[in-house]
Amino acid sequence: MYVPEAFKVVDEGEIEAFVQRYDFATMVSSPATGLIATHVPVVVRRETTGLVVVGHVARANSHWRVMDGSVECLAIFHGPHSYVSPTWYANSPAVPTWNYAVVHAYGKPRFREDGPFIETVLGELVHRYESHRAEPWRIEDQPSDFRDQMLARIVGFEMPVLKIEAKFKVGQNRRPEDRTGTIAGLEREKSSEGIALAEFMRAHPGG
């Protein structure tokens, strides 16, 4: 990934928080047969050896068959993004641009078919998105035959992260008044994407 110095993020804690927050990843593998991509929610764990990306895919999705520990994979974590109009800047001339935040994690995933691993990964994902509900859906509450059928239809994977790159392109190359104008412009647009990016820019004043 092309990462100009102004947009580079190297703080491990900041990167880890980002991938855990924006955990719907695009997994891209490049086997000899050609590129293959899957969009999937994942869990990012901090282990003694570093970050590990774990998740699951449908058994009918052939992507897992190339996750044999030898084929490199790129996991892309997408954060807020939006168009930026030069009319929002205090300084001119200027051109339109696109602000965004993204993390690329590289590794060689290996598929896992063992039931306890798959059920643990699925349980972590479900808990993350159900725990705030008054009556959360829980795997353990489902009929055993239904649960067994569900688990048999998916395959787990784990990918130790070998390299990671983070790019927060949020106007660090502009003057402070231009960033302020960008945030205000995004908020005036009233789009969910623009508001999310404005909040992100406020939280990351230095990128």
Protein backbone atom coordinates (compact mmCIF):
# COMPACT_ATOMS: atom_id res chain seq x y z
CA MET A 1 0.00 0.00 0.00
CA TYR A 2 1.24 3.47 -0.86
CA VAL A 3 1.58 5.34 2.44
CA PRO A 4 3.04 8.88 2.38
CA GLU A 5 4.85 9.71 5.60
CA ALA A 6 2.19 12.25 6.63
CA PHE A 7 -0.50 9.55 6.62
CA LYS A 8 1.48 6.68 8.17
CA VAL A 9 0.34 5.25 11.51
CA VAL A 10 2.83 3.17 13.49
CA ASP A 11 1.39 3.15 17.02
CA GLU A 12 0.55 -0.52 17.69
CA GLY A 13 -2.16 0.28 20.20
CA GLU A 14 -3.88 2.65 17.80
CA ILE A 15 -3.74 0.12 14.97
CA GLU A 16 -5.03 -2.70 17.17
CA ALA A 17 -7.94 -0.57 18.38
CA PHE A 18 -8.77 0.29 14.75
CA VAL A 19 -8.94 -3.31 13.47
CA GLN A 20 -11.04 -4.34 16.45
CA ARG A 21 -13.43 -1.45 15.87
CA TYR A 22 -13.72 -1.88 12.08
CA ASP A 23 -13.77 -5.67 12.09
CA PHE A 24 -15.66 -6.39 8.85
CA ALA A 25 -12.62 -7.30 6.76
CA THR A 26 -11.94 -8.04 3.11
CA MET A 27 -9.76 -11.16 2.93
CA VAL A 28 -7.84 -11.37 -0.36
CA SER A 29 -5.76 -14.43 -1.29
CA SER A 30 -3.63 -14.97 -4.37
CA PRO A 31 -3.29 -18.68 -5.14
CA ALA A 32 -2.01 -19.99 -8.47
CA THR A 33 -5.58 -20.21 -9.74
CA GLY A 34 -6.11 -16.45 -9.36
CA LEU A 35 -7.26 -13.83 -6.88
CA ILE A 36 -10.07 -14.67 -4.50
CA ALA A 37 -11.73 -12.35 -1.98
CA THR A 38 -14.18 -12.81 0.87
CA HIS A 39 -15.91 -10.15 2.98
CA VAL A 40 -16.32 -11.38 6.53
CA PRO A 41 -16.47 -10.22 10.16
CA VAL A 42 -13.40 -11.28 12.09
CA VAL A 43 -11.97 -11.31 15.59
CA VAL A 44 -8.50 -9.82 16.09
CA ARG A 45 -6.72 -11.32 19.09
CA ARG A 46 -3.56 -10.19 20.83
CA GLU A 47 -1.43 -13.25 21.56
CA THR A 48 2.12 -13.59 22.83
CA THR A 49 3.40 -13.86 19.26
CA GLY A 50 1.44 -10.83 18.05
CA LEU A 51 -1.93 -10.17 16.42
CA VAL A 52 -3.97 -13.06 15.05
CA VAL A 53 -7.00 -12.65 12.78
CA VAL A 54 -9.61 -15.39 13.23
CA GLY A 55 -12.97 -15.93 11.62
CA HIS A 56 -15.08 -18.32 9.61
CA VAL A 57 -16.50 -18.69 6.12
CA ALA A 58 -19.24 -20.81 4.62
CA ARG A 59 -18.08 -24.32 3.80
CA ALA A 60 -19.54 -23.75 0.33
CA ASN A 61 -17.07 -20.86 -0.14
CA SER A 62 -13.98 -22.39 -1.76
CA HIS A 63 -11.76 -19.62 -0.33
CA TRP A 64 -11.01 -21.70 2.77
CA ARG A 65 -9.45 -24.43 0.64
CA VAL A 66 -6.48 -22.16 -0.21
CA MET A 67 -6.00 -21.27 3.46
CA ASP A 68 -3.42 -23.99 3.96
CA GLY A 69 -0.75 -21.93 5.72
CA SER A 70 1.33 -21.38 2.57
CA VAL A 71 -0.74 -18.90 0.52
CA GLU A 72 -0.36 -15.25 1.51
CA CYS A 73 -3.50 -13.33 2.34
CA LEU A 74 -4.23 -9.63 2.76
CA ALA A 75 -6.89 -8.62 5.27
CA ILE A 76 -8.18 -5.11 4.61
CA PHE A 77 -9.90 -3.23 7.43
CA HIS A 78 -11.89 -0.24 6.19
CA GLY A 79 -12.61 2.76 8.41
CA PRO A 80 -14.64 5.92 7.71
CA HIS A 81 -14.22 7.55 4.31
CA SER A 82 -15.79 10.32 2.27
CA TYR A 83 -15.31 12.83 -0.54
CA VAL A 84 -13.75 16.14 0.49
CA SER A 85 -14.64 19.32 -1.41
CA PRO A 86 -11.94 22.00 -1.84
CA THR A 87 -14.67 24.57 -1.16
CA TRP A 88 -14.39 23.62 2.51
CA TYR A 89 -10.79 24.83 2.72
CA ALA A 90 -9.75 28.26 3.89
CA ASN A 91 -6.75 28.14 1.53
CA SER A 92 -6.82 27.94 -2.26
CA PRO A 93 -6.26 26.92 -4.94
CA ALA A 94 -6.98 23.31 -4.00
CA VAL A 95 -8.36 20.15 -5.56
CA PRO A 96 -10.99 17.59 -4.47
CA THR A 97 -9.77 14.56 -2.57
CA TRP A 98 -10.97 11.53 -0.64
CA ASN A 99 -10.23 11.11 3.06
CA TYR A 100 -10.17 7.63 4.56
CA ALA A 101 -8.62 5.31 7.11
CA VAL A 102 -7.51 1.76 6.33
CA VAL A 103 -5.30 -0.99 7.73
CA HIS A 104 -3.71 -3.81 5.74
CA ALA A 105 -2.73 -6.97 7.61
CA TYR A 106 -0.71 -9.68 5.87
CA GLY A 107 -0.34 -13.32 6.80
CA LYS A 108 -0.76 -16.93 5.72
CA PRO A 109 -4.07 -18.19 7.12
CA ARG A 110 -4.75 -21.80 7.92
CA PHE A 111 -8.25 -23.26 7.94
CA ARG A 112 -9.62 -24.97 11.05
CA GLU A 113 -12.37 -27.57 10.95
CA ASP A 114 -12.33 -28.54 14.63
CA GLY A 115 -15.66 -27.87 16.27
CA PRO A 116 -14.46 -26.24 19.52
CA PHE A 117 -12.39 -23.66 17.60
CA ILE A 118 -15.23 -22.78 15.24
CA GLU A 119 -17.79 -22.56 18.05
CA THR A 120 -15.46 -20.30 20.08
CA VAL A 121 -14.91 -17.92 17.14
CA LEU A 122 -18.62 -17.82 16.34
CA GLY A 123 -19.40 -17.26 20.01
CA GLU A 124 -17.02 -14.30 20.22
CA LEU A 125 -18.55 -12.66 17.17
CA VAL A 126 -22.12 -13.20 18.31
CA HIS A 127 -21.36 -11.93 21.81
CA ARG A 128 -19.84 -8.75 20.38
CA TYR A 129 -23.00 -7.83 18.50
CA GLU A 130 -25.65 -9.31 20.79
CA SER A 131 -24.41 -8.56 24.31
CA HIS A 132 -26.09 -5.13 24.48
CA ARG A 133 -29.54 -6.54 23.68
CA ALA A 134 -32.15 -7.18 26.37
CA GLU A 135 -32.65 -10.71 25.04
CA PRO A 136 -29.47 -11.62 23.11
CA TRP A 137 -29.31 -14.55 20.72
CA ARG A 138 -26.91 -17.16 22.06
CA ILE A 139 -25.46 -20.27 20.45
CA GLU A 140 -25.86 -22.31 23.60
CA ASP A 141 -29.61 -21.62 23.65
CA GLN A 142 -30.19 -23.23 20.26
CA PRO A 143 -31.38 -26.85 19.84
CA SER A 144 -28.38 -29.17 19.68
CA ASP A 145 -29.28 -30.60 16.26
CA PHE A 146 -29.67 -27.09 14.79
CA ARG A 147 -26.38 -25.97 16.36
CA ASP A 148 -24.53 -29.00 14.99
CA GLN A 149 -25.92 -28.43 11.50
CA MET A 150 -24.99 -24.75 11.62
CA LEU A 151 -21.42 -25.44 12.73
CA ALA A 152 -21.00 -28.14 10.08
CA ARG A 153 -21.74 -25.57 7.36
CA ILE A 154 -18.84 -23.27 8.22
CA VAL A 155 -15.06 -23.54 8.36
CA GLY A 156 -12.86 -21.52 10.68
CA PHE A 157 -9.53 -19.89 9.94
CA GLU A 158 -6.71 -18.21 11.82
CA MET A 159 -4.07 -15.88 10.39
CA PRO A 160 -1.07 -14.77 12.46
CA VAL A 161 -0.25 -11.25 11.25
CA LEU A 162 3.23 -11.15 9.69
CA LYS A 163 3.11 -7.52 8.55
CA ILE A 164 0.72 -4.64 9.10
CA GLU A 165 0.35 -1.23 7.47
CA ALA A 166 -1.94 1.59 8.55
CA LYS A 167 -2.91 4.70 6.64
CA PHE A 168 -5.10 7.46 8.04
CA LYS A 169 -5.48 10.02 5.24
CA VAL A 170 -7.42 12.66 7.14
CA GLY A 171 -5.95 15.96 6.00
CA GLN A 172 -2.66 15.96 7.93
CA ASN A 173 -1.04 17.58 4.90
CA ARG A 174 -3.42 20.56 5.11
CA ARG A 175 -3.29 23.60 7.39
CA PRO A 176 -5.30 23.43 10.64
CA GLU A 177 -7.97 25.78 9.30
CA ASP A 178 -8.46 23.52 6.28
CA ARG A 179 -8.97 20.47 8.50
CA THR A 180 -11.44 22.46 10.60
CA GLY A 181 -13.30 23.46 7.44
CA THR A 182 -13.32 19.85 6.24
CA ILE A 183 -14.85 18.60 9.49
CA ALA A 184 -17.50 21.32 9.35
CA GLY A 185 -18.25 20.56 5.70
CA LEU A 186 -18.61 16.85 6.37
CA GLU A 187 -21.00 17.53 9.23
CA ARG A 188 -23.11 19.86 7.06
CA GLU A 189 -23.51 17.10 4.49
CA LYS A 190 -25.43 15.10 7.12
CA SER A 191 -24.53 11.78 5.51
CA SER A 192 -23.69 8.87 7.81
CA GLU A 193 -20.35 8.44 6.04
CA GLY A 194 -19.44 12.11 6.37
CA ILE A 195 -20.42 12.31 10.02
CA ALA A 196 -18.42 9.16 10.82
CA LEU A 197 -15.35 10.60 9.08
CA ALA A 198 -15.74 13.94 10.86
CA GLU A 199 -15.82 12.14 14.21
CA PHE A 200 -12.77 10.15 13.23
CA MET A 201 -10.89 13.29 12.23
CA ARG A 202 -11.74 14.94 15.56
CA ALA A 203 -10.43 11.88 17.39
CA HIS A 204 -7.22 11.79 15.29
CA PRO A 205 -6.06 15.41 15.00
CA GLY A 206 -2.55 14.33 14.13
CA GLY A 207 -3.57 11.44 11.96
